[in-house]
Structures are given as C-alpha cells and as structure tokens.
C-alpha cells in the first residue's frame, strides 16, 4: 500500500493522471493508488491540482443548472 509521503509508484502516477483527466473519480483513483481519499487529495494538492466538488461560483451553478435542464429536454 502506498502512502502520501513515500516515493511515487506507477499506480499512484496512473491514478493521478486518470483522476486529473476525469477518467476516475477521486475515490476510485485513491483506491487504485492504495490511499485513502484524504491522502490522495493531499497528493493532488501537492502536485498542484485542487479537487473540485461541484460549482465554485454562482455563475458556475447557473451554467450547470442550464446544462442539466437542457439534458432533461
């Protein structure tokens, strides 16, 4: 099992890449890397990536709501 403070493994590098590309959720990428979700989030932040959970601004929320409504039509 990897840890957030050890040398990066191929599994960790792959999980980070797939998470950043949106191919894996944060939780699934963490599991693939052998880390807890919170450890994996620390790894992402250390690499310069910030995990986003939903819209960050009112504009983002309005845009996402519009997309959801369009998909429902």
N, C-alpha and C. Protein backbone atom coordinates (compact mmCIF):
# COMPACT_ATOMS: atom_id res chain seq x y z
N UNK A 1 0.85 -1.19 0.00
CA UNK A 1 0.00 0.00 0.00
C UNK A 1 0.89 1.24 0.00
N UNK A 2 0.58 2.20 -0.85
CA UNK A 2 1.35 3.44 -0.93
C UNK A 2 0.94 4.37 0.19
N UNK A 3 1.79 5.33 0.48
CA UNK A 3 1.42 6.37 1.43
C UNK A 3 1.73 7.72 0.82
N UNK A 4 1.08 8.74 1.33
CA UNK A 4 1.20 10.07 0.75
C UNK A 4 2.63 10.61 0.83
N UNK A 5 3.43 10.11 1.78
CA UNK A 5 4.78 10.64 1.95
C UNK A 5 5.86 9.81 1.32
N UNK A 6 5.55 8.66 0.71
CA UNK A 6 6.56 7.80 0.13
C UNK A 6 6.83 8.17 -1.32
N UNK A 7 7.82 7.48 -1.90
CA UNK A 7 8.13 7.70 -3.31
C UNK A 7 6.92 7.34 -4.17
N UNK A 8 6.67 8.12 -5.23
CA UNK A 8 5.53 7.82 -6.10
C UNK A 8 5.70 6.45 -6.76
N UNK A 9 4.61 5.75 -6.92
CA UNK A 9 4.60 4.47 -7.61
C UNK A 9 3.93 4.65 -8.96
N UNK A 10 4.07 3.64 -9.81
CA UNK A 10 3.38 3.69 -11.10
C UNK A 10 1.87 3.76 -10.90
N UNK A 11 1.38 3.03 -9.89
CA UNK A 11 -0.05 3.04 -9.62
C UNK A 11 -0.52 4.44 -9.21
N UNK A 12 0.28 5.10 -8.38
CA UNK A 12 -0.07 6.45 -7.93
C UNK A 12 -0.05 7.42 -9.11
N UNK A 13 0.99 7.36 -9.92
CA UNK A 13 1.09 8.25 -11.07
C UNK A 13 -0.07 8.05 -12.04
N UNK A 14 -0.41 6.79 -12.28
CA UNK A 14 -1.53 6.49 -13.17
C UNK A 14 -2.84 6.99 -12.58
N UNK A 15 -3.03 6.77 -11.29
CA UNK A 15 -4.26 7.22 -10.64
C UNK A 15 -4.39 8.74 -10.68
N UNK A 16 -3.30 9.45 -10.44
CA UNK A 16 -3.32 10.92 -10.50
C UNK A 16 -3.69 11.36 -11.91
N UNK A 17 -3.03 10.79 -12.90
CA UNK A 17 -3.31 11.17 -14.28
C UNK A 17 -4.76 10.92 -14.67
N UNK A 18 -5.27 9.75 -14.32
CA UNK A 18 -6.65 9.40 -14.69
C UNK A 18 -7.66 10.26 -13.95
N UNK A 19 -7.33 10.62 -12.71
CA UNK A 19 -8.23 11.48 -11.94
C UNK A 19 -8.25 12.89 -12.54
N UNK A 20 -7.08 13.41 -12.84
CA UNK A 20 -6.98 14.77 -13.39
C UNK A 20 -7.68 14.85 -14.75
N UNK A 21 -7.60 13.78 -15.52
CA UNK A 21 -8.26 13.75 -16.83
C UNK A 21 -9.76 13.49 -16.73
N UNK A 22 -10.23 13.18 -15.52
CA UNK A 22 -11.65 12.93 -15.33
C UNK A 22 -12.06 11.50 -15.64
N UNK A 23 -11.09 10.61 -15.82
CA UNK A 23 -11.41 9.21 -16.12
C UNK A 23 -11.79 8.43 -14.87
N UNK A 24 -11.31 8.87 -13.71
CA UNK A 24 -11.62 8.24 -12.43
C UNK A 24 -12.07 9.30 -11.45
N UNK A 25 -13.03 8.94 -10.61
CA UNK A 25 -13.42 9.83 -9.53
C UNK A 25 -12.28 9.89 -8.50
N UNK A 26 -12.34 10.86 -7.63
CA UNK A 26 -11.34 11.00 -6.58
C UNK A 26 -11.26 9.73 -5.73
N UNK A 27 -12.41 9.20 -5.34
CA UNK A 27 -12.44 7.99 -4.51
C UNK A 27 -11.88 6.78 -5.21
N UNK A 28 -12.25 6.59 -6.47
CA UNK A 28 -11.75 5.43 -7.22
C UNK A 28 -10.26 5.55 -7.51
N UNK A 29 -9.80 6.75 -7.79
CA UNK A 29 -8.37 6.96 -8.03
C UNK A 29 -7.58 6.70 -6.75
N UNK A 30 -8.11 7.16 -5.62
CA UNK A 30 -7.44 6.92 -4.34
C UNK A 30 -7.32 5.43 -4.09
N UNK A 31 -8.41 4.70 -4.32
CA UNK A 31 -8.40 3.25 -4.10
C UNK A 31 -7.37 2.58 -5.02
N UNK A 32 -7.31 3.00 -6.28
CA UNK A 32 -6.36 2.44 -7.23
C UNK A 32 -4.92 2.70 -6.80
N UNK A 33 -4.69 3.83 -6.12
CA UNK A 33 -3.36 4.19 -5.66
C UNK A 33 -3.03 3.57 -4.30
N UNK A 34 -4.03 2.95 -3.66
CA UNK A 34 -3.80 2.36 -2.34
C UNK A 34 -3.78 3.38 -1.22
N UNK A 35 -4.47 4.50 -1.43
CA UNK A 35 -4.52 5.58 -0.45
C UNK A 35 -5.96 5.84 -0.02
N UNK A 36 -6.11 6.51 1.11
CA UNK A 36 -7.43 6.99 1.48
C UNK A 36 -7.77 8.18 0.58
N UNK A 37 -9.03 8.52 0.52
CA UNK A 37 -9.44 9.68 -0.29
C UNK A 37 -8.71 10.93 0.16
N UNK A 38 -8.55 11.07 1.48
CA UNK A 38 -7.92 12.27 2.02
C UNK A 38 -6.42 12.29 1.73
N UNK A 39 -5.77 11.14 1.80
CA UNK A 39 -4.35 11.08 1.44
C UNK A 39 -4.16 11.41 -0.03
N UNK A 40 -5.05 10.86 -0.87
CA UNK A 40 -4.94 11.09 -2.31
C UNK A 40 -5.17 12.56 -2.63
N UNK A 41 -6.12 13.17 -1.93
CA UNK A 41 -6.37 14.60 -2.15
C UNK A 41 -5.12 15.41 -1.78
N UNK A 42 -4.41 15.03 -0.73
CA UNK A 42 -3.16 15.71 -0.36
C UNK A 42 -2.11 15.55 -1.46
N UNK A 43 -2.04 14.36 -2.05
CA UNK A 43 -1.10 14.12 -3.15
C UNK A 43 -1.43 15.04 -4.32
N UNK A 44 -2.73 15.12 -4.66
CA UNK A 44 -3.14 16.01 -5.76
C UNK A 44 -2.77 17.46 -5.48
N UNK A 45 -3.06 17.91 -4.26
CA UNK A 45 -2.75 19.29 -3.90
C UNK A 45 -1.25 19.53 -3.94
N UNK A 46 -0.46 18.56 -3.50
CA UNK A 46 1.00 18.68 -3.54
C UNK A 46 1.53 18.76 -4.97
N UNK A 47 0.79 18.16 -5.90
CA UNK A 47 1.19 18.19 -7.30
C UNK A 47 0.61 19.40 -8.03
N UNK A 48 -0.14 20.24 -7.30
CA UNK A 48 -0.66 21.47 -7.90
C UNK A 48 -2.09 21.38 -8.40
N UNK A 49 -2.77 20.29 -8.09
CA UNK A 49 -4.16 20.13 -8.52
C UNK A 49 -5.07 20.27 -7.31
N UNK A 50 -6.18 20.93 -7.50
CA UNK A 50 -7.17 21.09 -6.45
C UNK A 50 -8.42 20.31 -6.85
N UNK A 51 -8.87 19.45 -5.97
CA UNK A 51 -10.09 18.70 -6.24
C UNK A 51 -11.28 19.65 -6.16
N UNK A 52 -12.14 19.55 -7.14
CA UNK A 52 -13.32 20.41 -7.18
C UNK A 52 -14.55 19.57 -6.88
N UNK A 53 -15.41 20.09 -6.05
CA UNK A 53 -16.64 19.41 -5.69
C UNK A 53 -17.81 20.31 -6.05
N UNK A 54 -18.29 20.18 -7.26
CA UNK A 54 -19.43 20.98 -7.67
C UNK A 54 -19.04 22.40 -8.05
N UNK A 55 -20.03 23.22 -8.34
CA UNK A 55 -19.77 24.60 -8.79
C UNK A 55 -19.11 25.44 -7.71
N UNK A 56 -18.20 26.33 -8.12
CA UNK A 56 -17.48 27.19 -7.19
C UNK A 56 -18.07 28.59 -7.07
N UNK A 57 -18.80 29.01 -8.11
CA UNK A 57 -19.37 30.35 -8.10
C UNK A 57 -20.85 30.27 -8.48
N UNK A 58 -21.56 31.37 -8.28
CA UNK A 58 -22.97 31.42 -8.70
C UNK A 58 -23.08 31.25 -10.21
N UNK A 59 -22.13 31.81 -10.96
CA UNK A 59 -22.15 31.66 -12.42
C UNK A 59 -21.99 30.19 -12.80
N UNK A 60 -21.07 29.49 -12.13
CA UNK A 60 -20.88 28.06 -12.39
C UNK A 60 -22.17 27.30 -12.11
N UNK A 61 -22.83 27.64 -11.01
CA UNK A 61 -24.06 26.96 -10.64
C UNK A 61 -25.15 27.20 -11.69
N UNK A 62 -25.28 28.43 -12.15
CA UNK A 62 -26.28 28.75 -13.17
C UNK A 62 -25.98 28.00 -14.47
N UNK A 63 -24.72 27.96 -14.85
CA UNK A 63 -24.33 27.27 -16.09
C UNK A 63 -24.63 25.77 -15.98
N UNK A 64 -24.27 25.16 -14.84
CA UNK A 64 -24.53 23.73 -14.65
C UNK A 64 -26.02 23.45 -14.61
N UNK A 65 -26.79 24.34 -13.99
CA UNK A 65 -28.25 24.18 -13.96
C UNK A 65 -28.82 24.24 -15.36
N UNK A 66 -28.32 25.14 -16.17
CA UNK A 66 -28.78 25.26 -17.56
C UNK A 66 -28.47 24.01 -18.36
N UNK A 67 -27.28 23.46 -18.16
CA UNK A 67 -26.91 22.23 -18.86
C UNK A 67 -27.81 21.10 -18.43
N UNK A 68 -28.09 20.98 -17.13
CA UNK A 68 -28.96 19.92 -16.63
C UNK A 68 -30.37 20.05 -17.21
N UNK A 69 -30.87 21.28 -17.28
CA UNK A 69 -32.20 21.49 -17.84
C UNK A 69 -32.21 21.12 -19.33
N UNK A 70 -31.15 21.49 -20.07
CA UNK A 70 -31.08 21.16 -21.48
C UNK A 70 -31.05 19.65 -21.70
N UNK A 71 -30.35 18.93 -20.82
CA UNK A 71 -30.28 17.48 -20.95
C UNK A 71 -31.62 16.83 -20.67
N UNK A 72 -32.44 17.47 -19.84
CA UNK A 72 -33.74 16.94 -19.48
C UNK A 72 -34.79 17.12 -20.57
N UNK A 73 -34.49 17.93 -21.54
CA UNK A 73 -35.48 18.21 -22.60
C UNK A 73 -35.45 17.15 -23.68
